[in-house]
Amino acid sequence: MIKKISISLLVLALSTSCVSKKIYTDLENKFAELKKENRKVADENEVLLKAKNQLENDATTQKAAYDKLKAEHDKLLSDYTVAEKNLKTLQGSYGALEKNSNESLQTNMAKNRELLAQLEAKEKALAAEQARFNKTKSDLADNSKRLSELEAMLSNKDASMKKLKETLSKALNSFEGKGLTVEQKNGKVYVSMENKLLFNTGSWAVGTEGRKAVVEVAKVLADNPEISVLIEGHTDNAKFSGAVGQIENNWDLSTKRATAIVNILGENAKVNKQNLTAAGRGEFAPITTNDTPEGKAKNRRIEIILTPKLDEISKMLNEF
């Protein structure tokens, strides 16, 4: 999508000589901000997926090591038991042989000392393996706990976005059938409003009914100050024919409309203004064909994209 926007900027710059340097610079800055935000979200998602996969791989490796050490531990314990039994047998034989022969006595004493040495060595090996076994078990438990915490964080983020979507759907229920939809996808919530609900043709002034819908969205955002909000303006591919000097083209119109929505959201004092971003996409991100009047109507829209902040998860990953 960023590549398409970049190409469109270049085409716009080459084909339109009437665009002022300030507007062109503003568009470049907005494009850079969008590109940076897109890269940040993509990088964070990639880091999360890599961290999850790494933790799962570590857990599998630790489990295999744990099973191997347990098997070695059990074998040493068995060997120790057999050696101890043999020692008792030889000690019994030693008592009997002591009566019969001094030579036999010396032989058995030598064997007894050898078995005692073997038993001592096995005891030391068993203790060392027990220590390794305990450490591996502890490491496995720590990694499993961190993996569970990370999965819980991701699950909570998904649950919070689902709840946010349900809250928005309830708040905007009265606008159903008027060109407004709410959906959750890719870990984000999208509120889409067709222009018929918000603007007159060629205008960026929000109508009374549209303002009511935006105000309802602002109320929900006021209760969710940790949500990043991107407001995108979209148009169809019909060339703009408004008054010269007010609107340069569809891209300029879509930007002004997005900014108008941001201004209404910002009227709510509880909305965190630092979380709001306005962007104009012009005709370059259609959701359907522009070959029919119905398709054009759907493409003329405002999209409010709500994204959860991932600061806590990023902090946890840095601590690994």
Protein backbone atom coordinates (compact mmCIF):
# COMPACT_ATOMS: atom_id res chain seq x y z
CA MET A 1 0.00 0.00 0.00
CA ILE A 2 2.88 2.38 0.88
CA LYS A 3 4.43 1.62 -2.50
CA LYS A 4 1.15 2.57 -4.24
CA ILE A 5 0.96 5.80 -2.28
CA SER A 6 4.58 6.60 -3.15
CA ILE A 7 3.94 6.03 -6.87
CA SER A 8 0.78 8.10 -6.68
CA LEU A 9 2.69 10.96 -5.03
CA LEU A 10 5.27 10.85 -7.82
CA VAL A 11 2.58 10.81 -10.52
CA LEU A 12 0.77 13.65 -8.80
CA ALA A 13 3.96 15.68 -8.54
CA LEU A 14 4.83 15.13 -12.24
CA SER A 15 1.35 15.65 -13.64
CA THR A 16 0.11 18.62 -11.60
CA SER A 17 1.94 21.89 -11.97
CA CYS A 18 -0.63 23.88 -10.02
CA VAL A 19 0.07 22.16 -6.67
CA SER A 20 1.80 24.58 -4.31
CA LYS A 21 5.10 23.67 -2.72
CA LYS A 22 3.51 23.83 0.76
CA ILE A 23 0.76 21.34 -0.13
CA TYR A 24 3.26 19.03 -1.80
CA THR A 25 5.52 19.23 1.28
CA ASP A 26 2.53 18.55 3.55
CA LEU A 27 1.63 15.50 1.49
CA GLU A 28 5.19 14.25 1.62
CA ASN A 29 5.27 14.69 5.40
CA LYS A 30 1.93 12.89 5.82
CA PHE A 31 3.15 10.09 3.59
CA ALA A 32 6.32 9.76 5.69
CA GLU A 33 4.24 9.61 8.86
CA LEU A 34 1.99 6.92 7.38
CA LYS A 35 4.97 4.96 6.14
CA LYS A 36 6.64 5.20 9.57
CA GLU A 37 3.45 4.10 11.37
CA ASN A 38 2.98 1.18 8.94
CA ARG A 39 6.59 0.06 9.41
CA LYS A 40 6.30 0.37 13.21
CA VAL A 41 3.16 -1.81 13.38
CA ALA A 42 4.64 -4.37 10.95
CA ASP A 43 7.92 -4.50 12.92
CA GLU A 44 6.10 -4.91 16.23
CA ASN A 45 3.94 -7.73 14.82
CA GLU A 46 7.02 -9.44 13.38
CA VAL A 47 8.91 -9.08 16.69
CA LEU A 48 5.94 -10.57 18.59
CA LEU A 49 5.63 -13.53 16.22
CA LYS A 50 9.37 -14.19 16.31
CA ALA A 51 9.43 -13.97 20.10
CA LYS A 52 6.49 -16.36 20.39
CA ASN A 53 8.08 -18.86 17.97
CA GLN A 54 11.44 -18.58 19.78
CA LEU A 55 9.83 -19.22 23.17
CA GLU A 56 7.94 -22.23 21.79
CA ASN A 57 11.19 -23.60 20.30
CA ASP A 58 13.03 -22.99 23.59
CA ALA A 59 10.26 -24.74 25.50
CA THR A 60 10.48 -27.76 23.17
CA THR A 61 14.29 -27.89 23.54
CA GLN A 62 14.09 -27.57 27.32
CA LYS A 63 11.45 -30.33 27.44
CA ALA A 64 13.70 -32.67 25.43
CA ALA A 65 16.66 -31.88 27.68
CA TYR A 66 14.48 -32.43 30.74
CA ASP A 67 13.35 -35.86 29.45
CA LYS A 68 16.93 -36.87 28.65
CA LEU A 69 18.22 -35.83 32.07
CA LYS A 70 15.36 -37.63 33.78
CA ALA A 71 16.21 -40.84 31.92
CA GLU A 72 19.88 -40.49 32.91
CA HIS A 73 18.82 -39.74 36.48
CA ASP A 74 16.63 -42.88 36.61
CA LYS A 75 19.43 -45.04 35.19
CA LEU A 76 21.94 -43.76 37.74
CA LEU A 77 19.45 -44.39 40.52
CA SER A 78 18.95 -47.95 39.25
CA ASP A 79 22.71 -48.52 39.03
CA TYR A 80 23.10 -47.15 42.52
CA THR A 81 20.44 -49.54 43.85
CA VAL A 82 22.09 -52.55 42.17
CA ALA A 83 25.52 -51.56 43.49
CA GLU A 84 24.15 -51.12 46.97
CA LYS A 85 22.54 -54.57 46.80
CA ASN A 86 25.80 -56.11 45.60
CA LEU A 87 27.64 -54.42 48.43
CA LYS A 88 25.33 -55.95 50.98
CA THR A 89 25.79 -59.36 49.38
CA LEU A 90 29.57 -59.06 49.46
CA GLN A 91 29.50 -57.84 53.02
CA GLY A 92 27.57 -60.96 53.91
CA SER A 93 30.07 -63.12 52.03
CA TYR A 94 32.89 -61.31 53.75
CA GLY A 95 31.64 -62.40 57.15
CA ALA A 96 31.48 -66.03 56.09
CA LEU A 97 34.84 -66.10 54.32
CA GLU A 98 36.62 -64.42 57.18
CA LYS A 99 36.24 -67.62 59.17
CA ASN A 100 37.70 -69.88 56.48
CA SER A 101 40.66 -68.20 54.90
CA ASN A 102 42.79 -65.16 55.36
CA GLU A 103 43.56 -65.22 51.62
CA SER A 104 39.89 -65.27 50.77
CA LEU A 105 39.42 -62.56 53.32
CA GLN A 106 41.97 -60.29 51.63
CA THR A 107 40.39 -60.93 48.21
CA ASN A 108 36.94 -60.06 49.43
CA MET A 109 38.26 -57.01 51.23
CA ALA A 110 39.77 -55.80 47.95
CA LYS A 111 36.51 -56.39 46.13
CA ASN A 112 34.66 -54.64 48.92
CA ARG A 113 36.90 -51.58 48.69
CA GLU A 114 36.44 -51.52 44.91
CA LEU A 115 32.67 -51.68 45.26
CA LEU A 116 32.73 -48.96 47.89
CA ALA A 117 34.74 -46.74 45.54
CA GLN A 118 32.29 -47.44 42.71
CA LEU A 119 29.36 -46.70 44.98
CA GLU A 120 30.90 -43.39 46.07
CA ALA A 121 31.55 -42.40 42.47
CA LYS A 122 27.97 -43.21 41.50
CA GLU A 123 26.68 -41.21 44.45
CA LYS A 124 28.65 -38.17 43.28
CA ALA A 125 27.46 -38.62 39.68
CA LEU A 126 23.89 -38.99 40.89
CA ALA A 127 24.15 -35.78 42.93
CA ALA A 128 25.58 -33.88 39.95
CA GLU A 129 22.84 -35.16 37.64
CA GLN A 130 20.23 -34.27 40.26
CA ALA A 131 21.54 -30.70 40.32
CA ARG A 132 21.44 -30.48 36.50
CA PHE A 133 17.99 -32.03 36.52
CA ASN A 134 16.71 -29.46 39.02
CA LYS A 135 18.21 -26.52 37.07
CA THR A 136 16.76 -27.71 33.76
CA LYS A 137 13.39 -28.20 35.41
CA SER A 138 13.55 -24.66 36.83
CA ASP A 139 14.58 -23.14 33.47
CA LEU A 140 11.78 -24.99 31.72
CA ALA A 141 9.28 -23.67 34.23
CA ASP A 142 10.57 -20.07 33.83
CA ASN A 143 10.36 -20.20 30.03
CA SER A 144 6.91 -21.77 30.15
CA LYS A 145 5.77 -19.01 32.51
CA ARG A 146 7.09 -16.25 30.22
CA LEU A 147 5.51 -17.87 27.19
CA SER A 148 2.20 -18.09 29.04
CA GLU A 149 2.48 -14.43 30.08
CA LEU A 150 3.18 -13.35 26.50
CA GLU A 151 0.29 -15.42 25.16
CA ALA A 152 -1.94 -13.96 27.87
CA MET A 153 -0.93 -10.41 26.89
CA LEU A 154 -1.71 -11.11 23.23
CA SER A 155 -5.00 -12.73 24.19
CA ASN A 156 -5.90 -9.75 26.39
CA LYS A 157 -5.13 -7.36 23.53
CA ASP A 158 -7.42 -9.33 21.22
CA ALA A 159 -10.12 -9.47 23.89
CA SER A 160 -9.88 -5.72 24.56
CA MET A 161 -10.18 -4.96 20.84
CA LYS A 162 -13.18 -7.30 20.59
CA LYS A 163 -14.80 -5.51 23.52
CA LEU A 164 -13.98 -2.15 21.90
CA LYS A 165 -15.60 -3.30 18.67
CA GLU A 166 -18.73 -4.41 20.55
CA THR A 167 -18.87 -1.09 22.43
CA LEU A 168 -18.60 0.89 19.18
CA SER A 169 -21.22 -1.29 17.46
CA LYS A 170 -23.62 -0.66 20.33
CA ALA A 171 -22.91 3.07 20.42
CA LEU A 172 -23.39 3.40 16.65
CA ASN A 173 -26.34 1.02 16.35
CA SER A 174 -28.73 3.83 15.42
CA PHE A 175 -26.66 4.57 12.30
CA GLU A 176 -26.99 1.02 10.91
CA GLY A 177 -28.14 1.11 7.30
CA LYS A 178 -26.87 4.68 6.85
CA GLY A 179 -23.49 3.80 5.38
CA LEU A 180 -21.71 3.00 8.66
CA THR A 181 -20.00 -0.32 9.48
CA VAL A 182 -17.83 -1.56 12.38
CA GLU A 183 -15.54 -4.57 11.99
CA GLN A 184 -12.49 -6.16 13.62
CA LYS A 185 -9.61 -7.54 11.55
CA ASN A 186 -5.83 -7.86 11.72
CA GLY A 187 -5.90 -7.02 15.44
CA LYS A 188 -7.55 -3.63 14.77
CA VAL A 189 -11.06 -2.17 14.77
CA TYR A 190 -12.30 -0.34 11.66
CA VAL A 191 -15.18 2.15 11.70
CA SER A 192 -16.15 2.99 8.11
CA MET A 193 -18.55 5.85 7.28
CA GLU A 194 -19.71 6.54 3.75
CA ASN A 195 -19.68 10.18 2.68
CA LYS A 196 -23.46 10.22 2.31
CA LEU A 197 -23.58 10.14 6.12
CA LEU A 198 -20.93 12.83 6.60
CA PHE A 199 -20.43 15.29 3.71
CA ASN A 200 -22.14 16.97 0.80
CA THR A 201 -20.49 16.65 -2.62
CA GLY A 202 -17.20 18.56 -2.76
CA SER A 203 -17.50 19.65 0.86
CA TRP A 204 -15.50 18.79 3.96
CA ALA A 205 -18.03 20.24 6.39
CA VAL A 206 -19.58 17.42 8.46
CA GLY A 207 -23.39 17.32 8.44
CA THR A 208 -25.58 17.11 11.53
CA GLU A 209 -26.25 13.36 11.33
CA GLY A 210 -22.63 12.55 10.59
CA ARG A 211 -21.43 14.72 13.48
CA LYS A 212 -23.65 12.69 15.85
CA ALA A 213 -21.94 9.48 14.73
CA VAL A 214 -18.45 10.96 15.16
CA VAL A 215 -19.35 12.29 18.61
CA GLU A 216 -20.40 8.77 19.64
CA VAL A 217 -17.02 7.45 18.48
CA ALA A 218 -15.30 10.17 20.52
CA LYS A 219 -17.14 9.05 23.66
CA VAL A 220 -15.80 5.52 23.24
CA LEU A 221 -12.27 6.82 22.59
CA ALA A 222 -12.47 8.94 25.74
CA ASP A 223 -12.88 5.72 27.74
CA ASN A 224 -9.96 4.06 25.91
CA PRO A 225 -7.03 6.51 26.13
CA GLU A 226 -4.42 3.88 25.17
CA ILE A 227 -5.80 3.32 21.66
CA SER A 228 -4.02 4.83 18.63
CA VAL A 229 -6.48 6.28 16.11
CA LEU A 230 -5.84 6.82 12.40
CA ILE A 231 -8.53 8.70 10.45
CA GLU A 232 -8.31 8.12 6.69
CA GLY A 233 -10.22 10.06 4.06
CA HIS A 234 -11.08 8.29 0.76
CA THR A 235 -12.69 9.41 -2.49
CA ASP A 236 -13.81 7.77 -5.74
CA ASN A 237 -11.82 8.29 -8.95
CA ALA A 238 -13.95 11.13 -10.32
CA LYS A 239 -11.81 14.20 -10.91
CA PHE A 240 -12.56 17.02 -8.50
CA SER A 241 -14.21 20.02 -10.11
CA GLY A 242 -14.69 22.34 -7.13
CA ALA A 243 -13.69 25.96 -6.77
CA VAL A 244 -10.06 26.64 -7.63
CA GLY A 245 -8.03 27.74 -4.65
CA GLN A 246 -10.01 25.81 -2.04
CA ILE A 247 -9.45 22.19 -3.13
CA GLU A 248 -6.63 21.12 -5.42
CA ASN A 249 -7.73 17.53 -6.09
CA ASN A 250 -9.25 14.41 -4.54
CA TRP A 251 -6.23 13.88 -2.34
CA ASP A 252 -6.54 17.38 -0.91
CA LEU A 253 -10.28 16.86 -0.39
CA SER A 254 -9.80 13.52 1.39
CA THR A 255 -7.18 15.08 3.68
CA LYS A 256 -9.46 17.97 4.63
CA ARG A 257 -12.29 15.56 5.35
CA ALA A 258 -10.07 13.40 7.57
CA THR A 259 -8.91 16.52 9.40
CA ALA A 260 -12.53 17.60 9.92
CA ILE A 261 -13.25 14.27 11.64
CA VAL A 262 -10.14 14.66 13.83
CA ASN A 263 -11.33 18.11 14.89
CA ILE A 264 -14.71 16.75 15.98
CA LEU A 265 -13.08 13.89 17.92
CA GLY A 266 -10.79 16.44 19.56
CA GLU A 267 -13.75 18.45 20.82
CA ASN A 268 -14.13 15.78 23.50
CA ALA A 269 -11.72 16.93 26.23
CA LYS A 270 -11.14 13.35 27.42
CA VAL A 271 -9.83 12.16 24.05
CA ASN A 272 -6.02 11.93 24.00
CA LYS A 273 -5.09 14.21 21.07
CA GLN A 274 -1.63 12.64 20.83
CA ASN A 275 -3.27 9.40 19.69
CA LEU A 276 -5.05 11.03 16.70
CA THR A 277 -3.66 11.06 13.16
CA ALA A 278 -5.40 12.39 10.02
CA ALA A 279 -4.49 11.07 6.57
CA GLY A 280 -5.83 11.60 3.07
CA ARG A 281 -5.78 8.57 0.74
CA GLY A 282 -7.64 10.17 -2.16
CA GLU A 283 -8.86 7.67 -4.76
CA PHE A 284 -5.94 5.30 -4.28
CA ALA A 285 -7.36 2.82 -1.75
CA PRO A 286 -10.79 1.79 -3.10
CA ILE A 287 -12.68 -1.08 -1.47
CA THR A 288 -14.70 -1.86 -4.59
CA THR A 289 -14.98 -0.92 -8.27
CA ASN A 290 -15.49 2.66 -9.39
CA ASP A 291 -17.33 1.49 -12.50
CA THR A 292 -20.79 1.80 -10.94
CA PRO A 293 -22.54 4.55 -8.96
CA GLU A 294 -22.93 2.13 -6.06
CA GLY A 295 -19.23 1.31 -6.09
CA LYS A 296 -18.25 4.96 -6.18
CA ALA A 297 -20.53 5.64 -3.20
CA LYS A 298 -18.83 2.91 -1.14
CA ASN A 299 -15.37 4.21 -2.03
CA ARG A 300 -16.26 7.74 -0.86
CA ARG A 301 -15.76 7.17 2.86
CA ILE A 302 -13.99 7.94 6.11
CA GLU A 303 -12.23 5.07 7.90
CA ILE A 304 -11.42 5.37 11.61
CA ILE A 305 -8.78 2.72 12.40
CA LEU A 306 -8.23 1.88 16.07
CA THR A 307 -4.96 0.11 17.00
CA PRO A 308 -3.89 -1.14 20.46
CA LYS A 309 -0.55 0.09 21.79
CA LEU A 310 2.03 -2.65 22.26
CA ASP A 311 4.41 -0.90 24.69
CA GLU A 312 3.96 -3.47 27.47
CA ILE A 313 4.59 -6.43 25.16
CA SER A 314 7.66 -4.74 23.64
CA LYS A 315 9.02 -4.09 27.15
CA MET A 316 8.53 -7.74 28.09
CA LEU A 317 10.33 -8.90 24.95
CA ASN A 318 13.28 -6.63 25.73
CA GLU A 319 13.61 -8.28 29.13
CA PHE A 320 14.13 -11.77 27.64
